[in-house]
Every structure is written in C-alpha cells, then in structure tokens.
Amino acid sequence: MKNNIELLELEELTLEYCRQRGLVVDRNFHRLSDSRLNLLIQNGSNDDPIGVIIKDWKRAVGVDIIIRSEQVLKDNRSLGKVLIIANVFSDPARYLAEKIGIFLLTRNDLLRILAPDLSSSAVNDSNKQQDIMMY
C-alpha cells in the first residue's frame, strides 16, 4: 500500500488516515443530515464526532469555505470539531481556520503522515505545512 499511496484519491487517503489512527468512520450518518459533510469520524466513545469536509480541487481552498465550515459547526451542535481536507489552502484561509478553530489537512500532510519514508520529491509542497493533532 505504501508504494502506491500517493496515487490514492483524497477521500481514500482520508479513510486510510482514519484507519491507521484507529478512528471510527461513519459515512452513513443519518443522525446528522448535513450534506455539507463528507463523513464523520469518532475519536473515542466519549468525544463528540468530528465532521469532515473533503475538497478535492485543483485550486486552493479559500476563506469562503472556512466560513461555510464554521457555519456547519454552528448548525450542528453535536459536532466537536470540523476538519477540512484539501489539496491546497490559501494563506488567508489557513489564518482564519487557525483563528476560529477549524482543522486543516492537505494531501501532502496525509502523505507525510501515512508514508513518512516517501522521498521529498513525492511529497513536494511549496507551503510550509504543520502537523495537526486533533486529539
């Protein structure tokens, strides 16, 4: 799997990340009928679920998506956090997300976490990424 991990779609990378971290993934969440979420993940039985939004875009995710994600969190009080996973985030989006408590992971973050032995050329990222721990 590690040899071909960089070929996975963003959603598949997300699911692999959750599997390796022992997070419970709920794709068929009927208790939360919010179509803005791609899936819910649970980190332990006592924690509130984390809503995951996946944006597999070629362009950078901007401030508008961060604002919409904050609204998802406000609209769904049962959520503990929101995590956005995308290929790239704009700098203003990163700043706003940090300010309001929205977690961000990029494809390169996931690749670095899942396959740390990949060469730096396979995980080339011009932005300085930080590891995000949600728990």
C-alpha atoms as a PDB file:
ATOM      1  CA  MET A   1       0.000   0.000   0.000  1.00  0.00           C
ATOM      2  CA  LYS A   2       2.761   2.456   0.889  1.00  0.00           C
ATOM      3  CA  ASN A   3       4.250   2.248  -2.607  1.00  0.00           C
ATOM      4  CA  ASN A   4       1.040   3.423  -4.255  1.00  0.00           C
ATOM      5  CA  ILE A   5      -0.351   5.616  -1.506  1.00  0.00           C
ATOM      6  CA  GLU A   6       0.396   8.822  -3.407  1.00  0.00           C
ATOM      7  CA  LEU A   7      -1.941   7.611  -6.169  1.00  0.00           C
ATOM      8  CA  LEU A   8      -4.984   7.408  -3.894  1.00  0.00           C
ATOM      9  CA  GLU A   9      -7.849   9.859  -4.218  1.00  0.00           C
ATOM     10  CA  LEU A  10      -8.182  12.374  -1.402  1.00  0.00           C
ATOM     11  CA  GLU A  11     -11.152  10.583   0.179  1.00  0.00           C
ATOM     12  CA  GLU A  12      -9.294   7.261   0.117  1.00  0.00           C
ATOM     13  CA  LEU A  13      -6.269   8.921   1.747  1.00  0.00           C
ATOM     14  CA  THR A  14      -8.577  10.310   4.422  1.00  0.00           C
ATOM     15  CA  LEU A  15     -10.046   6.885   5.095  1.00  0.00           C
ATOM     16  CA  GLU A  16      -6.569   5.345   5.296  1.00  0.00           C
ATOM     17  CA  TYR A  17      -5.501   8.085   7.735  1.00  0.00           C
ATOM     18  CA  CYS A  18      -8.527   7.296   9.914  1.00  0.00           C
ATOM     19  CA  ARG A  19      -7.873   3.553   9.727  1.00  0.00           C
ATOM     20  CA  GLN A  20      -4.240   3.950  10.790  1.00  0.00           C
ATOM     21  CA  ARG A  21      -5.231   6.254  13.660  1.00  0.00           C
ATOM     22  CA  GLY A  22      -7.962   3.886  14.861  1.00  0.00           C
ATOM     23  CA  LEU A  23     -10.698   6.450  14.248  1.00  0.00           C
ATOM     24  CA  VAL A  24     -14.216   5.187  13.649  1.00  0.00           C
ATOM     25  CA  VAL A  25     -15.593   6.463  10.336  1.00  0.00           C
ATOM     26  CA  ASP A  26     -19.304   6.964   9.801  1.00  0.00           C
ATOM     27  CA  ARG A  27     -20.162   7.511   6.125  1.00  0.00           C
ATOM     28  CA  ASN A  28     -23.880   6.840   6.516  1.00  0.00           C
ATOM     29  CA  PHE A  29     -24.659   9.261   9.293  1.00  0.00           C
ATOM     30  CA  HIS A  30     -28.433   9.517   9.412  1.00  0.00           C
ATOM     31  CA  ARG A  31     -28.482  11.293  12.762  1.00  0.00           C
ATOM     32  CA  LEU A  32     -26.809  14.267  11.146  1.00  0.00           C
ATOM     33  CA  SER A  33     -28.400  15.083   7.816  1.00  0.00           C
ATOM     34  CA  ASP A  34     -25.956  17.754   6.707  1.00  0.00           C
ATOM     35  CA  SER A  35     -24.977  17.292   3.085  1.00  0.00           C
ATOM     36  CA  ARG A  36     -22.051  19.675   3.544  1.00  0.00           C
ATOM     37  CA  LEU A  37     -20.162  16.941   5.406  1.00  0.00           C
ATOM     38  CA  ASN A  38     -18.486  14.047   3.627  1.00  0.00           C
ATOM     39  CA  LEU A  39     -18.144  11.871   6.725  1.00  0.00           C
ATOM     40  CA  LEU A  40     -17.948  11.837  10.495  1.00  0.00           C
ATOM     41  CA  ILE A  41     -15.082  10.437  12.485  1.00  0.00           C
ATOM     42  CA  GLN A  42     -15.129   9.447  16.112  1.00  0.00           C
ATOM     43  CA  ASN A  43     -12.066   9.539  18.328  1.00  0.00           C
ATOM     44  CA  GLY A  44     -13.121   7.510  21.333  1.00  0.00           C
ATOM     45  CA  SER A  45     -16.628   6.819  22.537  1.00  0.00           C
ATOM     46  CA  ASN A  46     -16.889   9.868  24.801  1.00  0.00           C
ATOM     47  CA  ASP A  47     -15.789  12.523  22.331  1.00  0.00           C
ATOM     48  CA  ASP A  48     -18.101  14.463  20.060  1.00  0.00           C
ATOM     49  CA  PRO A  49     -17.758  13.449  16.414  1.00  0.00           C
ATOM     50  CA  ILE A  50     -15.536  15.363  14.026  1.00  0.00           C
ATOM     51  CA  GLY A  51     -17.214  16.496  10.816  1.00  0.00           C
ATOM     52  CA  VAL A  52     -15.005  16.033   7.769  1.00  0.00           C
ATOM     53  CA  ILE A  53     -15.273  18.139   4.629  1.00  0.00           C
ATOM     54  CA  ILE A  54     -13.191  16.979   1.657  1.00  0.00           C
ATOM     55  CA  LYS A  55     -12.458  19.415  -1.175  1.00  0.00           C
ATOM     56  CA  ASP A  56     -10.551  17.606  -3.917  1.00  0.00           C
ATOM     57  CA  TRP A  57      -9.976  20.687  -6.032  1.00  0.00           C
ATOM     58  CA  LYS A  58      -7.090  21.689  -8.260  1.00  0.00           C
ATOM     59  CA  ARG A  59      -7.283  25.256  -6.898  1.00  0.00           C
ATOM     60  CA  ALA A  60      -6.660  26.422  -3.357  1.00  0.00           C
ATOM     61  CA  VAL A  61      -9.462  26.323  -0.821  1.00  0.00           C
ATOM     62  CA  GLY A  62     -10.185  29.880   0.246  1.00  0.00           C
ATOM     63  CA  VAL A  63     -11.685  31.827   3.113  1.00  0.00           C
ATOM     64  CA  ASP A  64     -15.251  31.260   1.863  1.00  0.00           C
ATOM     65  CA  ILE A  65     -15.009  27.526   2.555  1.00  0.00           C
ATOM     66  CA  ILE A  66     -13.602  28.189   6.025  1.00  0.00           C
ATOM     67  CA  ILE A  67     -16.551  30.495   6.767  1.00  0.00           C
ATOM     68  CA  ARG A  68     -19.013  27.890   5.469  1.00  0.00           C
ATOM     69  CA  SER A  69     -17.320  25.224   7.600  1.00  0.00           C
ATOM     70  CA  GLU A  70     -17.676  27.391  10.680  1.00  0.00           C
ATOM     71  CA  GLN A  71     -21.390  27.621   9.890  1.00  0.00           C
ATOM     72  CA  VAL A  72     -21.563  23.804   9.649  1.00  0.00           C
ATOM     73  CA  LEU A  73     -20.077  23.626  13.144  1.00  0.00           C
ATOM     74  CA  LYS A  74     -22.592  26.175  14.460  1.00  0.00           C
ATOM     75  CA  ASP A  75     -25.528  24.421  12.762  1.00  0.00           C
ATOM     76  CA  ASN A  76     -24.572  21.009  14.162  1.00  0.00           C
ATOM     77  CA  ARG A  77     -24.034  21.380  17.895  1.00  0.00           C
ATOM     78  CA  SER A  78     -23.320  17.657  18.225  1.00  0.00           C
ATOM     79  CA  LEU A  79     -20.029  18.141  16.348  1.00  0.00           C
ATOM     80  CA  GLY A  80     -16.919  18.654  18.405  1.00  0.00           C
ATOM     81  CA  LYS A  81     -14.762  19.871  15.540  1.00  0.00           C
ATOM     82  CA  VAL A  82     -14.627  20.318  11.794  1.00  0.00           C
ATOM     83  CA  LEU A  83     -11.738  19.079   9.686  1.00  0.00           C
ATOM     84  CA  ILE A  84     -11.268  20.214   6.106  1.00  0.00           C
ATOM     85  CA  ILE A  85      -9.083  18.096   3.855  1.00  0.00           C
ATOM     86  CA  ALA A  86      -7.948  19.569   0.537  1.00  0.00           C
ATOM     87  CA  ASN A  87      -5.035  19.631  -1.851  1.00  0.00           C
ATOM     88  CA  VAL A  88      -4.064  23.243  -1.061  1.00  0.00           C
ATOM     89  CA  PHE A  89      -5.282  26.058   1.202  1.00  0.00           C
ATOM     90  CA  SER A  90      -4.725  29.763   0.639  1.00  0.00           C
ATOM     91  CA  ASP A  91      -2.730  31.593   3.306  1.00  0.00           C
ATOM     92  CA  PRO A  92      -5.741  33.720   4.358  1.00  0.00           C
ATOM     93  CA  ALA A  93      -7.805  30.518   4.687  1.00  0.00           C
ATOM     94  CA  ARG A  94      -5.119  28.972   6.912  1.00  0.00           C
ATOM     95  CA  TYR A  95      -5.013  32.077   9.096  1.00  0.00           C
ATOM     96  CA  LEU A  96      -8.800  32.224   9.503  1.00  0.00           C
ATOM     97  CA  ALA A  97      -9.084  28.486  10.172  1.00  0.00           C
ATOM     98  CA  GLU A  98      -6.480  28.723  12.925  1.00  0.00           C
ATOM     99  CA  LYS A  99      -8.249  31.746  14.414  1.00  0.00           C
ATOM    100  CA  ILE A 100     -11.681  30.068  14.612  1.00  0.00           C
ATOM    101  CA  GLY A 101     -10.566  26.503  15.362  1.00  0.00           C
ATOM    102  CA  ILE A 102     -11.168  24.711  12.073  1.00  0.00           C
ATOM    103  CA  PHE A 103      -8.593  21.973  11.454  1.00  0.00           C
ATOM    104  CA  LEU A 104      -6.904  21.677   8.061  1.00  0.00           C
ATOM    105  CA  LEU A 105      -5.005  18.838   6.432  1.00  0.00           C
ATOM    106  CA  THR A 106      -3.606  18.778   2.906  1.00  0.00           C
ATOM    107  CA  ARG A 107      -2.897  15.844   0.642  1.00  0.00           C
ATOM    108  CA  ASN A 108       0.787  16.330   1.420  1.00  0.00           C
ATOM    109  CA  ASP A 109       0.100  16.297   5.164  1.00  0.00           C
ATOM    110  CA  LEU A 110      -1.707  12.984   4.772  1.00  0.00           C
ATOM    111  CA  LEU A 111       1.061  11.523   2.612  1.00  0.00           C
ATOM    112  CA  ARG A 112       3.718  12.641   5.086  1.00  0.00           C
ATOM    113  CA  ILE A 113       1.766  11.085   7.977  1.00  0.00           C
ATOM    114  CA  LEU A 114       0.852   7.852   6.188  1.00  0.00           C
ATOM    115  CA  ALA A 115       4.128   7.226   4.374  1.00  0.00           C
ATOM    116  CA  PRO A 116       6.912   9.179   6.070  1.00  0.00           C
ATOM    117  CA  ASP A 117       9.517   7.226   4.103  1.00  0.00           C
ATOM    118  CA  LEU A 118       8.401   8.657   0.755  1.00  0.00           C
ATOM    119  CA  SER A 119      11.040  10.810  -0.860  1.00  0.00           C
ATOM    120  CA  SER A 120      10.611  14.556  -0.501  1.00  0.00           C
ATOM    121  CA  SER A 121      10.045  14.817  -4.246  1.00  0.00           C
ATOM    122  CA  ALA A 122       6.957  12.627  -3.983  1.00  0.00           C
ATOM    123  CA  VAL A 123       5.579  14.911  -1.296  1.00  0.00           C
ATOM    124  CA  ASN A 124       6.722  18.230  -2.705  1.00  0.00           C
ATOM    125  CA  ASP A 125       4.865  21.144  -1.198  1.00  0.00           C
ATOM    126  CA  SER A 126       5.769  24.777  -1.576  1.00  0.00           C
ATOM    127  CA  ASN A 127       3.753  25.772   1.505  1.00  0.00           C
ATOM    128  CA  LYS A 128       5.190  25.107   4.929  1.00  0.00           C
ATOM    129  CA  GLN A 129       2.803  22.584   6.461  1.00  0.00           C
ATOM    130  CA  GLN A 130       2.324  21.923  10.134  1.00  0.00           C
ATOM    131  CA  ASP A 131       1.248  18.669  11.649  1.00  0.00           C
ATOM    132  CA  ILE A 132      -2.219  18.961  13.111  1.00  0.00           C
ATOM    133  CA  MET A 133      -3.244  16.861  16.034  1.00  0.00           C
ATOM    134  CA  MET A 134      -6.981  16.785  16.619  1.00  0.00           C
ATOM    135  CA  TYR A 135      -6.814  14.709  19.771  1.00  0.00           C
END
